[in-house]
Amino acid sequence: MLRSFWFLVGTLSLFLGLIGIVLPVLPTTPFVILAAFAFGKSSPRLQAWLERNHVFGPIIEDWREKGAIATRYKIMAISMMAAALLLSIVMDVGPVILVVQLACMIAAACFILTRPS
């Protein structure tokens, strides 16, 4: 049952990571890293496939070896967060939502920017 849970987490994370490739407001890297972790607990074959993948493999390898996020992904993540915040402002969302969104984005940006490149 626990393996099924981790398989579901891995599948959902990979799906969200794939969507993040084309959707600018959804980050790819954290979801791919989570998918690799979850597949490691449920399906070593899928974990190995993900680690050998030419797109996702380097992201996972950088994270595992150095806890690093490549500079281009950092720039992309911060840019997308700024764009999402700007879109929220343009759409005139409520001030409470803006404050919560800004707090979450600041926390995420601090984490991303403090990782080695």
N, C-alpha and C. Protein backbone atom coordinates (compact mmCIF):
# COMPACT_ATOMS: atom_id res chain seq x y z
N MET A 1 0.83 -1.20 0.00
CA MET A 1 0.00 0.00 0.00
C MET A 1 0.87 1.26 0.00
N LEU A 2 1.96 1.24 0.78
CA LEU A 2 2.85 2.38 0.83
C LEU A 2 3.54 2.61 -0.51
N ARG A 3 3.90 1.51 -1.18
CA ARG A 3 4.50 1.64 -2.52
C ARG A 3 3.52 2.27 -3.50
N SER A 4 2.25 1.92 -3.38
CA SER A 4 1.23 2.52 -4.25
C SER A 4 1.12 4.01 -3.99
N PHE A 5 1.18 4.40 -2.73
CA PHE A 5 1.13 5.83 -2.38
C PHE A 5 2.29 6.57 -3.02
N TRP A 6 3.52 6.04 -2.88
CA TRP A 6 4.70 6.71 -3.44
C TRP A 6 4.65 6.72 -4.98
N PHE A 7 4.11 5.66 -5.56
CA PHE A 7 3.96 5.63 -7.01
C PHE A 7 3.00 6.73 -7.46
N LEU A 8 1.90 6.90 -6.75
CA LEU A 8 0.94 7.96 -7.08
C LEU A 8 1.58 9.34 -6.92
N VAL A 9 2.33 9.54 -5.84
CA VAL A 9 3.03 10.81 -5.63
C VAL A 9 4.02 11.07 -6.77
N GLY A 10 4.78 10.04 -7.14
CA GLY A 10 5.75 10.18 -8.23
C GLY A 10 5.09 10.50 -9.56
N THR A 11 4.01 9.81 -9.85
CA THR A 11 3.30 10.03 -11.11
C THR A 11 2.71 11.43 -11.16
N LEU A 12 2.06 11.84 -10.09
CA LEU A 12 1.46 13.18 -10.03
C LEU A 12 2.54 14.25 -10.12
N SER A 13 3.65 14.06 -9.42
CA SER A 13 4.74 15.04 -9.46
C SER A 13 5.35 15.15 -10.85
N LEU A 14 5.56 14.02 -11.49
CA LEU A 14 6.11 14.04 -12.84
C LEU A 14 5.14 14.72 -13.80
N PHE A 15 3.87 14.44 -13.66
CA PHE A 15 2.85 15.08 -14.50
C PHE A 15 2.88 16.60 -14.31
N LEU A 16 2.94 17.05 -13.06
CA LEU A 16 3.00 18.49 -12.79
C LEU A 16 4.30 19.09 -13.33
N GLY A 17 5.39 18.34 -13.23
CA GLY A 17 6.66 18.81 -13.80
C GLY A 17 6.59 18.96 -15.30
N LEU A 18 5.92 18.02 -15.96
CA LEU A 18 5.75 18.10 -17.41
C LEU A 18 4.90 19.31 -17.79
N ILE A 19 3.86 19.54 -17.03
CA ILE A 19 3.02 20.72 -17.28
C ILE A 19 3.85 21.99 -17.07
N GLY A 20 4.74 21.96 -16.08
CA GLY A 20 5.57 23.12 -15.78
C GLY A 20 6.52 23.50 -16.91
N ILE A 21 6.81 22.57 -17.79
CA ILE A 21 7.67 22.87 -18.93
C ILE A 21 7.00 23.90 -19.84
N VAL A 22 5.70 23.77 -20.00
CA VAL A 22 4.98 24.67 -20.90
C VAL A 22 4.17 25.75 -20.20
N LEU A 23 3.88 25.55 -18.93
CA LEU A 23 3.11 26.54 -18.16
C LEU A 23 4.07 27.34 -17.28
N PRO A 24 4.22 28.61 -17.53
CA PRO A 24 5.24 29.38 -16.83
C PRO A 24 5.05 29.55 -15.33
N VAL A 25 3.83 29.38 -14.82
CA VAL A 25 3.62 29.60 -13.39
C VAL A 25 3.84 28.34 -12.55
N LEU A 26 4.14 27.23 -13.19
CA LEU A 26 4.33 25.97 -12.47
C LEU A 26 5.79 25.55 -12.59
N PRO A 27 6.51 25.47 -11.46
CA PRO A 27 7.93 25.13 -11.55
C PRO A 27 8.14 23.65 -11.86
N THR A 28 9.09 23.37 -12.72
CA THR A 28 9.38 22.00 -13.12
C THR A 28 10.31 21.30 -12.14
N THR A 29 11.38 21.96 -11.77
CA THR A 29 12.46 21.33 -11.00
C THR A 29 12.00 20.66 -9.71
N PRO A 30 11.26 21.35 -8.82
CA PRO A 30 10.88 20.68 -7.57
C PRO A 30 10.00 19.45 -7.79
N PHE A 31 9.15 19.50 -8.79
CA PHE A 31 8.28 18.36 -9.06
C PHE A 31 9.07 17.17 -9.61
N VAL A 32 10.07 17.44 -10.42
CA VAL A 32 10.90 16.36 -10.97
C VAL A 32 11.73 15.72 -9.85
N ILE A 33 12.27 16.55 -8.97
CA ILE A 33 13.05 16.02 -7.84
C ILE A 33 12.16 15.18 -6.93
N LEU A 34 10.95 15.66 -6.66
CA LEU A 34 10.01 14.89 -5.84
C LEU A 34 9.62 13.59 -6.54
N ALA A 35 9.43 13.63 -7.84
CA ALA A 35 9.08 12.42 -8.59
C ALA A 35 10.20 11.38 -8.48
N ALA A 36 11.45 11.81 -8.62
CA ALA A 36 12.57 10.88 -8.51
C ALA A 36 12.62 10.26 -7.12
N PHE A 37 12.40 11.06 -6.09
CA PHE A 37 12.38 10.56 -4.72
C PHE A 37 11.26 9.53 -4.54
N ALA A 38 10.06 9.89 -4.99
CA ALA A 38 8.90 9.01 -4.82
C ALA A 38 9.06 7.71 -5.61
N PHE A 39 9.56 7.82 -6.84
CA PHE A 39 9.78 6.61 -7.63
C PHE A 39 10.87 5.73 -7.00
N GLY A 40 11.83 6.36 -6.32
CA GLY A 40 12.85 5.59 -5.61
C GLY A 40 12.25 4.73 -4.52
N LYS A 41 11.13 5.15 -3.96
CA LYS A 41 10.45 4.40 -2.91
C LYS A 41 9.43 3.41 -3.47
N SER A 42 9.05 3.58 -4.74
CA SER A 42 7.99 2.72 -5.27
C SER A 42 8.40 1.91 -6.50
N SER A 43 9.19 2.51 -7.37
CA SER A 43 9.53 1.84 -8.63
C SER A 43 10.95 2.21 -9.06
N PRO A 44 11.93 1.43 -8.65
CA PRO A 44 13.31 1.73 -9.05
C PRO A 44 13.50 1.80 -10.56
N ARG A 45 12.70 1.06 -11.30
CA ARG A 45 12.80 1.10 -12.76
C ARG A 45 12.40 2.48 -13.30
N LEU A 46 11.32 3.06 -12.77
CA LEU A 46 10.91 4.40 -13.19
C LEU A 46 11.90 5.46 -12.70
N GLN A 47 12.44 5.26 -11.52
CA GLN A 47 13.46 6.18 -11.01
C GLN A 47 14.67 6.19 -11.94
N ALA A 48 15.12 5.02 -12.34
CA ALA A 48 16.28 4.92 -13.24
C ALA A 48 15.97 5.57 -14.59
N TRP A 49 14.77 5.35 -15.10
CA TRP A 49 14.38 5.97 -16.37
C TRP A 49 14.40 7.49 -16.26
N LEU A 50 13.88 8.00 -15.17
CA LEU A 50 13.84 9.45 -14.96
C LEU A 50 15.25 10.03 -14.84
N GLU A 51 16.12 9.31 -14.15
CA GLU A 51 17.50 9.77 -13.98
C GLU A 51 18.29 9.72 -15.28
N ARG A 52 17.94 8.82 -16.21
CA ARG A 52 18.62 8.74 -17.50
C ARG A 52 18.02 9.67 -18.55
N ASN A 53 16.86 10.24 -18.25
CA ASN A 53 16.18 11.12 -19.19
C ASN A 53 17.06 12.33 -19.49
N HIS A 54 17.17 12.70 -20.78
CA HIS A 54 18.07 13.77 -21.18
C HIS A 54 17.60 15.15 -20.70
N VAL A 55 16.32 15.31 -20.41
CA VAL A 55 15.80 16.59 -19.90
C VAL A 55 15.85 16.63 -18.39
N PHE A 56 15.34 15.60 -17.74
CA PHE A 56 15.20 15.61 -16.29
C PHE A 56 16.42 15.08 -15.54
N GLY A 57 17.18 14.22 -16.17
CA GLY A 57 18.34 13.62 -15.51
C GLY A 57 19.33 14.63 -14.94
N PRO A 58 19.74 15.63 -15.72
CA PRO A 58 20.69 16.61 -15.18
C PRO A 58 20.15 17.40 -13.99
N ILE A 59 18.86 17.68 -13.98
CA ILE A 59 18.26 18.39 -12.85
C ILE A 59 18.39 17.55 -11.59
N ILE A 60 18.05 16.29 -11.70
CA ILE A 60 18.12 15.38 -10.54
C ILE A 60 19.56 15.20 -10.09
N GLU A 61 20.46 15.03 -11.03
CA GLU A 61 21.87 14.83 -10.70
C GLU A 61 22.45 16.05 -9.98
N ASP A 62 22.17 17.25 -10.48
CA ASP A 62 22.65 18.47 -9.82
C ASP A 62 22.13 18.55 -8.39
N TRP A 63 20.87 18.23 -8.20
CA TRP A 63 20.28 18.31 -6.87
C TRP A 63 20.91 17.28 -5.93
N ARG A 64 21.05 16.06 -6.41
CA ARG A 64 21.60 15.01 -5.55
C ARG A 64 23.06 15.24 -5.19
N GLU A 65 23.85 15.64 -6.15
CA GLU A 65 25.28 15.78 -5.91
C GLU A 65 25.65 17.04 -5.13
N LYS A 66 24.95 18.13 -5.40
CA LYS A 66 25.37 19.41 -4.80
C LYS A 66 24.24 20.17 -4.13
N GLY A 67 23.02 19.64 -4.17
CA GLY A 67 21.88 20.40 -3.67
C GLY A 67 21.70 21.66 -4.49
N ALA A 68 22.08 21.58 -5.76
CA ALA A 68 22.17 22.76 -6.62
C ALA A 68 21.00 22.87 -7.58
N ILE A 69 20.72 24.13 -7.93
CA ILE A 69 19.76 24.45 -8.97
C ILE A 69 20.51 25.32 -9.98
N ALA A 70 20.50 24.93 -11.23
CA ALA A 70 21.24 25.66 -12.26
C ALA A 70 20.75 27.11 -12.33
N THR A 71 21.67 28.00 -12.64
CA THR A 71 21.37 29.43 -12.69
C THR A 71 20.22 29.73 -13.64
N ARG A 72 20.19 29.06 -14.78
CA ARG A 72 19.10 29.34 -15.74
C ARG A 72 17.75 28.96 -15.17
N TYR A 73 17.69 27.89 -14.35
CA TYR A 73 16.42 27.51 -13.73
C TYR A 73 16.04 28.47 -12.62
N LYS A 74 17.05 28.99 -11.92
CA LYS A 74 16.78 30.00 -10.89
C LYS A 74 16.17 31.25 -11.53
N ILE A 75 16.80 31.71 -12.60
CA ILE A 75 16.30 32.90 -13.29
C ILE A 75 14.89 32.66 -13.81
N MET A 76 14.68 31.50 -14.37
CA MET A 76 13.36 31.17 -14.91
C MET A 76 12.32 31.13 -13.78
N ALA A 77 12.64 30.51 -12.66
CA ALA A 77 11.70 30.40 -11.56
C ALA A 77 11.34 31.77 -10.98
N ILE A 78 12.35 32.61 -10.75
CA ILE A 78 12.10 33.94 -10.19
C ILE A 78 11.30 34.78 -11.19
N SER A 79 11.64 34.68 -12.46
CA SER A 79 10.91 35.43 -13.49
C SER A 79 9.44 35.01 -13.55
N MET A 80 9.20 33.72 -13.47
CA MET A 80 7.82 33.23 -13.53
C MET A 80 7.03 33.65 -12.30
N MET A 81 7.68 33.65 -11.14
CA MET A 81 6.99 34.11 -9.94
C MET A 81 6.63 35.58 -10.07
N ALA A 82 7.57 36.38 -10.57
CA ALA A 82 7.30 37.80 -10.76
C ALA A 82 6.18 38.02 -11.77
N ALA A 83 6.17 37.24 -12.84
CA ALA A 83 5.12 37.36 -13.85
C ALA A 83 3.76 36.97 -13.26
N ALA A 84 3.74 35.92 -12.46
CA ALA A 84 2.47 35.50 -11.84
C ALA A 84 1.96 36.57 -10.87
N LEU A 85 2.87 37.18 -10.11
CA LEU A 85 2.47 38.24 -9.19
C LEU A 85 1.95 39.45 -9.97
N LEU A 86 2.64 39.80 -11.03
CA LEU A 86 2.20 40.92 -11.87
C LEU A 86 0.82 40.64 -12.47
N LEU A 87 0.61 39.41 -12.92
CA LEU A 87 -0.68 39.04 -13.47
C LEU A 87 -1.78 39.16 -12.41
N SER A 88 -1.48 38.77 -11.19
CA SER A 88 -2.45 38.90 -10.10
C SER A 88 -2.78 40.35 -9.84
N ILE A 89 -1.78 41.21 -9.91
CA ILE A 89 -2.01 42.64 -9.70
C ILE A 89 -2.87 43.19 -10.83
N VAL A 90 -2.55 42.84 -12.06
CA VAL A 90 -3.31 43.31 -13.22
C VAL A 90 -4.76 42.81 -13.15
N MET A 91 -4.95 41.60 -12.66
CA MET A 91 -6.29 41.03 -12.55
C MET A 91 -7.05 41.57 -11.34
N ASP A 92 -6.38 42.40 -10.56
CA ASP A 92 -6.99 43.06 -9.40
C ASP A 92 -7.55 42.07 -8.38
N VAL A 93 -6.72 41.06 -8.05
CA VAL A 93 -7.14 40.12 -7.01
C VAL A 93 -7.12 40.85 -5.67
N GLY A 94 -7.79 40.29 -4.71
CA GLY A 94 -7.90 40.92 -3.39
C GLY A 94 -6.56 41.07 -2.69
N PRO A 95 -6.48 42.06 -1.80
CA PRO A 95 -5.22 42.31 -1.11
C PRO A 95 -4.76 41.15 -0.23
N VAL A 96 -5.68 40.43 0.37
CA VAL A 96 -5.30 39.28 1.21
C VAL A 96 -4.62 38.22 0.36
N ILE A 97 -5.18 37.94 -0.79
CA ILE A 97 -4.60 36.94 -1.70
C ILE A 97 -3.23 37.41 -2.17
N LEU A 98 -3.10 38.69 -2.49
CA LEU A 98 -1.80 39.21 -2.92
C LEU A 98 -0.74 39.06 -1.83
N VAL A 99 -1.12 39.35 -0.60
CA VAL A 99 -0.17 39.24 0.52
C VAL A 99 0.26 37.78 0.71
N VAL A 100 -0.69 36.87 0.69
CA VAL A 100 -0.37 35.44 0.83
C VAL A 100 0.51 34.98 -0.33
N GLN A 101 0.14 35.37 -1.54
CA GLN A 101 0.92 35.01 -2.72
C GLN A 101 2.34 35.56 -2.62
N LEU A 102 2.46 36.81 -2.23
CA LEU A 102 3.77 37.44 -2.11
C LEU A 102 4.61 36.75 -1.03
N ALA A 103 4.00 36.42 0.09
CA ALA A 103 4.74 35.74 1.18
C ALA A 103 5.26 34.37 0.71
N CYS A 104 4.41 33.63 0.01
CA CYS A 104 4.83 32.31 -0.51
C CYS A 104 5.94 32.46 -1.54
N MET A 105 5.81 33.44 -2.40
CA MET A 105 6.83 33.65 -3.44
C MET A 105 8.16 34.11 -2.84
N ILE A 106 8.11 34.94 -1.82
CA ILE A 106 9.35 35.38 -1.17
C ILE A 106 10.04 34.19 -0.52
N ALA A 107 9.26 33.36 0.15
CA ALA A 107 9.85 32.16 0.79
C ALA A 107 10.46 31.24 -0.27
N ALA A 108 9.74 31.01 -1.36
CA ALA A 108 10.25 30.14 -2.43
C ALA A 108 11.49 30.75 -3.07
N ALA A 109 11.46 32.06 -3.31
CA ALA A 109 12.60 32.73 -3.93
C ALA A 109 13.83 32.66 -3.03
N CYS A 110 13.63 32.84 -1.72
CA CYS A 110 14.76 32.75 -0.79
C CYS A 110 15.38 31.35 -0.83
N PHE A 111 14.54 30.33 -0.86
CA PHE A 111 15.05 28.97 -0.94
C PHE A 111 15.83 28.77 -2.22
N ILE A 112 15.25 29.15 -3.34
CA ILE A 112 15.88 28.96 -4.64
C ILE A 112 17.21 29.70 -4.72
N LEU A 113 17.22 30.95 -4.28
CA LEU A 113 18.42 31.77 -4.41
C LEU A 113 19.54 31.37 -3.45
N THR A 114 19.20 30.67 -2.38
CA THR A 114 20.24 30.23 -1.45
C THR A 114 20.83 28.87 -1.79
N ARG A 115 20.31 28.20 -2.80
CA ARG A 115 20.88 26.93 -3.27
C ARG A 115 22.09 27.25 -4.14
N PRO A 116 23.10 26.39 -4.07
CA PRO A 116 24.24 26.61 -4.98
C PRO A 116 23.83 26.44 -6.44
N SER A 117 24.60 27.08 -7.32
CA SER A 117 24.31 26.99 -8.76
C SER A 117 25.18 25.93 -9.40
